[in-house]
Amino acid sequence: MGEHQKECQECGWRGLAAELDETNDDASGQTQIFCPDCGGIDIQDLDPEE
C-alpha cells in the first residue's frame, strides 16, 4: 500500500512515487515532483492494474 506508480507525460518514464525527485516550492506551498529521467514536471498517476 502507498506505492503509487507514476508516469512522466514528457518522456514516458514510469516508476514508483518514492523514486521521484521532490522539491518543496515555498512560493505556493506545494510539493513539486520531477521526473528522474528528463526532469519534467508533468507526472501522472497510473491506475493500479488490479
N, C-alpha and C. Protein backbone atom coordinates (compact mmCIF):
# COMPACT_ATOMS: atom_id res chain seq x y z
N MET A 1 0.84 -1.20 0.00
CA MET A 1 0.00 0.00 0.00
C MET A 1 0.88 1.26 0.00
N GLY A 2 0.41 2.27 -0.64
CA GLY A 2 1.12 3.54 -0.62
C GLY A 2 2.19 3.67 -1.70
N GLU A 3 2.44 2.57 -2.43
CA GLU A 3 3.42 2.65 -3.51
C GLU A 3 2.69 2.95 -4.81
N HIS A 4 2.59 4.22 -5.13
CA HIS A 4 1.84 4.63 -6.32
C HIS A 4 2.75 4.71 -7.53
N GLN A 5 2.33 4.09 -8.61
CA GLN A 5 3.09 4.18 -9.85
C GLN A 5 2.80 5.51 -10.53
N LYS A 6 3.85 6.11 -11.06
CA LYS A 6 3.74 7.38 -11.75
C LYS A 6 4.25 7.22 -13.17
N GLU A 7 3.78 8.11 -14.04
CA GLU A 7 4.29 8.13 -15.41
C GLU A 7 4.54 9.57 -15.82
N CYS A 8 5.71 9.80 -16.40
CA CYS A 8 6.03 11.13 -16.92
C CYS A 8 5.41 11.29 -18.29
N GLN A 9 4.59 12.33 -18.45
CA GLN A 9 3.93 12.57 -19.73
C GLN A 9 4.90 13.13 -20.77
N GLU A 10 6.06 13.58 -20.32
CA GLU A 10 7.01 14.19 -21.25
C GLU A 10 7.94 13.16 -21.90
N CYS A 11 8.42 12.18 -21.11
CA CYS A 11 9.38 11.22 -21.68
C CYS A 11 8.91 9.78 -21.59
N GLY A 12 7.81 9.54 -20.87
CA GLY A 12 7.28 8.19 -20.79
C GLY A 12 7.87 7.34 -19.68
N TRP A 13 8.73 7.95 -18.85
CA TRP A 13 9.30 7.22 -17.71
C TRP A 13 8.19 6.74 -16.79
N ARG A 14 8.39 5.54 -16.24
CA ARG A 14 7.44 5.02 -15.25
C ARG A 14 8.21 4.53 -14.04
N GLY A 15 7.63 4.73 -12.87
CA GLY A 15 8.27 4.25 -11.65
C GLY A 15 7.40 4.56 -10.46
N LEU A 16 7.93 4.25 -9.28
CA LEU A 16 7.20 4.49 -8.06
C LEU A 16 7.38 5.93 -7.60
N ALA A 17 6.38 6.43 -6.91
CA ALA A 17 6.43 7.80 -6.42
C ALA A 17 7.67 8.05 -5.57
N ALA A 18 8.10 7.03 -4.83
CA ALA A 18 9.26 7.16 -3.95
C ALA A 18 10.55 7.45 -4.72
N GLU A 19 10.57 7.12 -6.01
CA GLU A 19 11.77 7.32 -6.82
C GLU A 19 11.88 8.75 -7.35
N LEU A 20 10.79 9.49 -7.28
CA LEU A 20 10.78 10.82 -7.86
C LEU A 20 11.57 11.81 -7.02
N ASP A 21 12.18 12.76 -7.69
CA ASP A 21 12.84 13.85 -7.00
C ASP A 21 11.78 14.85 -6.57
N GLU A 22 11.89 15.32 -5.32
CA GLU A 22 10.89 16.26 -4.82
C GLU A 22 11.58 17.53 -4.34
N THR A 23 10.93 18.65 -4.60
CA THR A 23 11.37 19.91 -4.02
C THR A 23 10.16 20.57 -3.40
N ASN A 24 10.38 21.30 -2.33
CA ASN A 24 9.28 21.99 -1.69
C ASN A 24 9.28 23.43 -2.18
N ASP A 25 8.27 23.78 -2.97
CA ASP A 25 8.17 25.12 -3.53
C ASP A 25 7.49 26.03 -2.51
N ASP A 26 8.29 26.87 -1.85
CA ASP A 26 7.77 27.71 -0.77
C ASP A 26 6.76 28.74 -1.26
N ALA A 27 6.89 29.18 -2.50
CA ALA A 27 6.01 30.22 -3.02
C ALA A 27 4.55 29.78 -3.00
N SER A 28 4.30 28.53 -3.39
CA SER A 28 2.93 28.05 -3.46
C SER A 28 2.58 27.14 -2.30
N GLY A 29 3.61 26.66 -1.59
CA GLY A 29 3.38 25.72 -0.51
C GLY A 29 3.12 24.31 -1.00
N GLN A 30 3.25 24.11 -2.30
CA GLN A 30 3.03 22.78 -2.89
C GLN A 30 4.36 22.06 -3.03
N THR A 31 4.31 20.74 -2.93
CA THR A 31 5.50 19.94 -3.21
C THR A 31 5.48 19.56 -4.68
N GLN A 32 6.50 19.97 -5.39
CA GLN A 32 6.58 19.68 -6.83
C GLN A 32 7.43 18.44 -7.04
N ILE A 33 6.96 17.53 -7.87
CA ILE A 33 7.74 16.33 -8.17
C ILE A 33 8.30 16.41 -9.58
N PHE A 34 9.50 15.86 -9.74
CA PHE A 34 10.21 15.92 -11.01
C PHE A 34 10.53 14.51 -11.48
N CYS A 35 10.47 14.32 -12.78
CA CYS A 35 10.87 13.05 -13.38
C CYS A 35 12.38 12.87 -13.22
N PRO A 36 12.84 11.71 -12.69
CA PRO A 36 14.28 11.49 -12.53
C PRO A 36 15.01 11.31 -13.86
N ASP A 37 14.27 11.03 -14.93
CA ASP A 37 14.89 10.83 -16.25
C ASP A 37 15.10 12.15 -16.98
N CYS A 38 14.01 12.90 -17.18
CA CYS A 38 14.10 14.09 -18.02
C CYS A 38 13.92 15.39 -17.24
N GLY A 39 13.54 15.27 -15.96
CA GLY A 39 13.35 16.47 -15.15
C GLY A 39 12.01 17.13 -15.38
N GLY A 40 11.14 16.49 -16.17
CA GLY A 40 9.83 17.05 -16.45
C GLY A 40 8.94 17.06 -15.22
N ILE A 41 7.96 17.96 -15.21
CA ILE A 41 7.08 18.08 -14.05
C ILE A 41 5.67 17.57 -14.33
N ASP A 42 5.45 17.04 -15.54
CA ASP A 42 4.11 16.55 -15.89
C ASP A 42 4.00 15.08 -15.53
N ILE A 43 3.86 14.81 -14.22
CA ILE A 43 3.83 13.44 -13.72
C ILE A 43 2.39 13.07 -13.38
N GLN A 44 1.94 11.95 -13.92
CA GLN A 44 0.57 11.49 -13.69
C GLN A 44 0.57 10.18 -12.93
N ASP A 45 -0.50 9.96 -12.16
CA ASP A 45 -0.69 8.66 -11.51
C ASP A 45 -1.11 7.63 -12.54
N LEU A 46 -0.59 6.42 -12.39
CA LEU A 46 -1.08 5.31 -13.20
C LEU A 46 -2.09 4.54 -12.37
N ASP A 47 -3.18 4.13 -12.99
CA ASP A 47 -4.16 3.34 -12.27
C ASP A 47 -3.58 1.97 -11.97
N PRO A 48 -3.78 1.47 -10.76
CA PRO A 48 -3.28 0.13 -10.44
C PRO A 48 -3.93 -0.92 -11.33
N GLU A 49 -3.16 -1.92 -11.69
CA GLU A 49 -3.64 -2.96 -12.60
C GLU A 49 -4.37 -4.05 -11.84
N GLU A 50 -5.12 -3.68 -10.82
CA GLU A 50 -5.85 -4.66 -10.03
C GLU A 50 -7.31 -4.43 -10.24
